[in-house]
Amino acid sequence: MEATECQQRIKELREQTGMNRKEFCEAFDIPYRTVTEWERGNRNAPRYVLRFLEYYIRMEKKIEEKVKSDGEK
Protein backbone atom coordinates (compact mmCIF):
# COMPACT_ATOMS: atom_id res chain seq x y z
CA MET A 1 0.00 0.00 0.00
CA GLU A 2 1.36 3.39 -0.95
CA ALA A 3 1.70 6.16 1.60
CA THR A 4 -1.05 8.23 0.03
CA GLU A 5 -3.47 5.27 0.12
CA CYS A 6 -2.70 4.63 3.78
CA GLN A 7 -2.92 8.32 4.57
CA GLN A 8 -6.36 8.61 2.95
CA ARG A 9 -7.71 5.37 4.44
CA ILE A 10 -6.72 6.21 8.01
CA LYS A 11 -8.29 9.65 7.72
CA GLU A 12 -11.47 8.17 6.18
CA LEU A 13 -11.76 5.61 8.95
CA ARG A 14 -11.28 8.24 11.64
CA GLU A 15 -13.86 10.50 10.03
CA GLN A 16 -16.34 7.60 9.84
CA THR A 17 -16.16 7.33 13.61
CA GLY A 18 -16.91 11.03 14.01
CA MET A 19 -13.90 11.34 16.30
CA ASN A 20 -11.13 13.86 16.19
CA ARG A 21 -7.58 12.53 16.12
CA LYS A 22 -7.13 12.63 19.90
CA GLU A 23 -10.39 10.75 20.55
CA PHE A 24 -9.54 8.19 17.86
CA CYS A 25 -6.13 7.57 19.40
CA GLU A 26 -7.60 7.15 22.86
CA ALA A 27 -10.38 4.85 21.64
CA PHE A 28 -7.98 2.53 19.83
CA ASP A 29 -5.00 2.96 22.16
CA ILE A 30 -2.76 4.14 19.33
CA PRO A 31 -0.18 6.84 20.10
CA TYR A 32 -1.22 10.27 18.83
CA ARG A 33 2.06 10.79 17.03
CA THR A 34 1.67 7.47 15.20
CA VAL A 35 -1.75 8.37 13.81
CA THR A 36 -0.48 11.84 12.92
CA GLU A 37 2.42 10.31 10.99
CA TRP A 38 0.03 7.95 9.19
CA GLU A 39 -2.35 10.76 8.25
CA ARG A 40 0.50 12.94 7.02
CA GLY A 41 1.85 10.12 4.90
CA ASN A 42 5.20 10.07 6.70
CA ARG A 43 4.66 6.46 7.79
CA ASN A 44 2.36 3.65 6.75
CA ALA A 45 0.11 1.76 9.08
CA PRO A 46 0.61 -2.00 8.85
CA ARG A 47 -2.04 -3.64 6.67
CA TYR A 48 -3.30 -5.74 9.57
CA VAL A 49 -3.95 -2.57 11.58
CA LEU A 50 -5.98 -1.08 8.74
CA ARG A 51 -7.96 -4.30 8.37
CA PHE A 52 -8.61 -4.43 12.11
CA LEU A 53 -9.78 -0.81 12.21
CA GLU A 54 -12.01 -1.30 9.16
CA TYR A 55 -13.58 -4.41 10.66
CA TYR A 56 -14.06 -2.92 14.12
CA ILE A 57 -15.62 0.30 12.83
CA ARG A 58 -17.91 -1.62 10.46
CA MET A 59 -19.09 -3.92 13.26
CA GLU A 60 -19.66 -1.03 15.65
CA LYS A 61 -21.87 0.66 13.03
CA LYS A 62 -23.89 -2.54 12.57
CA ILE A 63 -24.38 -2.86 16.32
CA GLU A 64 -25.50 0.77 16.57
CA GLU A 65 -27.93 0.31 13.67
CA LYS A 66 -29.38 -2.84 15.24
CA VAL A 67 -29.82 -1.18 18.62
CA LYS A 68 -31.49 1.77 16.92
CA SER A 69 -33.83 -0.41 14.86
CA ASP A 70 -34.68 -2.57 17.90
CA GLY A 71 -35.50 0.57 19.87
CA GLU A 72 -37.91 1.76 17.19
CA LYS A 73 -40.01 -1.40 17.39
C-alpha atoms as a PDB file:
ATOM      1  CA  MET A   1       0.000   0.000   0.000  1.00  0.00           C
ATOM      2  CA  GLU A   2       1.364   3.388  -0.945  1.00  0.00           C
ATOM      3  CA  ALA A   3       1.702   6.163   1.601  1.00  0.00           C
ATOM      4  CA  THR A   4      -1.055   8.232   0.027  1.00  0.00           C
ATOM      5  CA  GLU A   5      -3.468   5.273   0.121  1.00  0.00           C
ATOM      6  CA  CYS A   6      -2.698   4.625   3.777  1.00  0.00           C
ATOM      7  CA  GLN A   7      -2.920   8.318   4.567  1.00  0.00           C
ATOM      8  CA  GLN A   8      -6.355   8.607   2.952  1.00  0.00           C
ATOM      9  CA  ARG A   9      -7.710   5.371   4.436  1.00  0.00           C
ATOM     10  CA  ILE A  10      -6.719   6.209   8.012  1.00  0.00           C
ATOM     11  CA  LYS A  11      -8.293   9.646   7.722  1.00  0.00           C
ATOM     12  CA  GLU A  12     -11.467   8.172   6.180  1.00  0.00           C
ATOM     13  CA  LEU A  13     -11.758   5.611   8.950  1.00  0.00           C
ATOM     14  CA  ARG A  14     -11.282   8.237  11.636  1.00  0.00           C
ATOM     15  CA  GLU A  15     -13.863  10.498  10.033  1.00  0.00           C
ATOM     16  CA  GLN A  16     -16.343   7.596   9.839  1.00  0.00           C
ATOM     17  CA  THR A  17     -16.163   7.334  13.609  1.00  0.00           C
ATOM     18  CA  GLY A  18     -16.909  11.034  14.015  1.00  0.00           C
ATOM     19  CA  MET A  19     -13.902  11.340  16.300  1.00  0.00           C
ATOM     20  CA  ASN A  20     -11.127  13.861  16.191  1.00  0.00           C
ATOM     21  CA  ARG A  21      -7.580  12.526  16.123  1.00  0.00           C
ATOM     22  CA  LYS A  22      -7.133  12.626  19.899  1.00  0.00           C
ATOM     23  CA  GLU A  23     -10.389  10.754  20.552  1.00  0.00           C
ATOM     24  CA  PHE A  24      -9.541   8.191  17.859  1.00  0.00           C
ATOM     25  CA  CYS A  25      -6.133   7.567  19.403  1.00  0.00           C
ATOM     26  CA  GLU A  26      -7.600   7.153  22.863  1.00  0.00           C
ATOM     27  CA  ALA A  27     -10.385   4.847  21.643  1.00  0.00           C
ATOM     28  CA  PHE A  28      -7.981   2.527  19.831  1.00  0.00           C
ATOM     29  CA  ASP A  29      -4.999   2.960  22.156  1.00  0.00           C
ATOM     30  CA  ILE A  30      -2.757   4.143  19.328  1.00  0.00           C
ATOM     31  CA  PRO A  31      -0.178   6.836  20.097  1.00  0.00           C
ATOM     32  CA  TYR A  32      -1.221  10.269  18.829  1.00  0.00           C
ATOM     33  CA  ARG A  33       2.064  10.794  17.032  1.00  0.00           C
ATOM     34  CA  THR A  34       1.668   7.474  15.198  1.00  0.00           C
ATOM     35  CA  VAL A  35      -1.754   8.371  13.808  1.00  0.00           C
ATOM     36  CA  THR A  36      -0.483  11.836  12.921  1.00  0.00           C
ATOM     37  CA  GLU A  37       2.416  10.314  10.991  1.00  0.00           C
ATOM     38  CA  TRP A  38       0.026   7.948   9.190  1.00  0.00           C
ATOM     39  CA  GLU A  39      -2.347  10.762   8.249  1.00  0.00           C
ATOM     40  CA  ARG A  40       0.504  12.945   7.019  1.00  0.00           C
ATOM     41  CA  GLY A  41       1.852  10.119   4.903  1.00  0.00           C
ATOM     42  CA  ASN A  42       5.201  10.075   6.701  1.00  0.00           C
ATOM     43  CA  ARG A  43       4.663   6.458   7.792  1.00  0.00           C
ATOM     44  CA  ASN A  44       2.364   3.647   6.747  1.00  0.00           C
ATOM     45  CA  ALA A  45       0.106   1.758   9.076  1.00  0.00           C
ATOM     46  CA  PRO A  46       0.607  -1.996   8.847  1.00  0.00           C
ATOM     47  CA  ARG A  47      -2.039  -3.637   6.673  1.00  0.00           C
ATOM     48  CA  TYR A  48      -3.302  -5.737   9.572  1.00  0.00           C
ATOM     49  CA  VAL A  49      -3.949  -2.570  11.582  1.00  0.00           C
ATOM     50  CA  LEU A  50      -5.977  -1.079   8.735  1.00  0.00           C
ATOM     51  CA  ARG A  51      -7.961  -4.303   8.370  1.00  0.00           C
ATOM     52  CA  PHE A  52      -8.609  -4.428  12.108  1.00  0.00           C
ATOM     53  CA  LEU A  53      -9.782  -0.810  12.207  1.00  0.00           C
ATOM     54  CA  GLU A  54     -12.007  -1.302   9.159  1.00  0.00           C
ATOM     55  CA  TYR A  55     -13.581  -4.407  10.663  1.00  0.00           C
ATOM     56  CA  TYR A  56     -14.059  -2.925  14.116  1.00  0.00           C
ATOM     57  CA  ILE A  57     -15.616   0.301  12.831  1.00  0.00           C
ATOM     58  CA  ARG A  58     -17.909  -1.624  10.460  1.00  0.00           C
ATOM     59  CA  MET A  59     -19.091  -3.925  13.261  1.00  0.00           C
ATOM     60  CA  GLU A  60     -19.657  -1.028  15.649  1.00  0.00           C
ATOM     61  CA  LYS A  61     -21.867   0.661  13.031  1.00  0.00           C
ATOM     62  CA  LYS A  62     -23.886  -2.540  12.567  1.00  0.00           C
ATOM     63  CA  ILE A  63     -24.381  -2.856  16.315  1.00  0.00           C
ATOM     64  CA  GLU A  64     -25.496   0.772  16.575  1.00  0.00           C
ATOM     65  CA  GLU A  65     -27.927   0.305  13.673  1.00  0.00           C
ATOM     66  CA  LYS A  66     -29.376  -2.843  15.241  1.00  0.00           C
ATOM     67  CA  VAL A  67     -29.822  -1.178  18.617  1.00  0.00           C
ATOM     68  CA  LYS A  68     -31.494   1.773  16.924  1.00  0.00           C
ATOM     69  CA  SER A  69     -33.834  -0.413  14.857  1.00  0.00           C
ATOM     70  CA  ASP A  70     -34.682  -2.575  17.904  1.00  0.00           C
ATOM     71  CA  GLY A  71     -35.496   0.568  19.868  1.00  0.00           C
ATOM     72  CA  GLU A  72     -37.910   1.759  17.187  1.00  0.00           C
ATOM     73  CA  LYS A  73     -40.006  -1.403  17.395  1.00  0.00           C
END
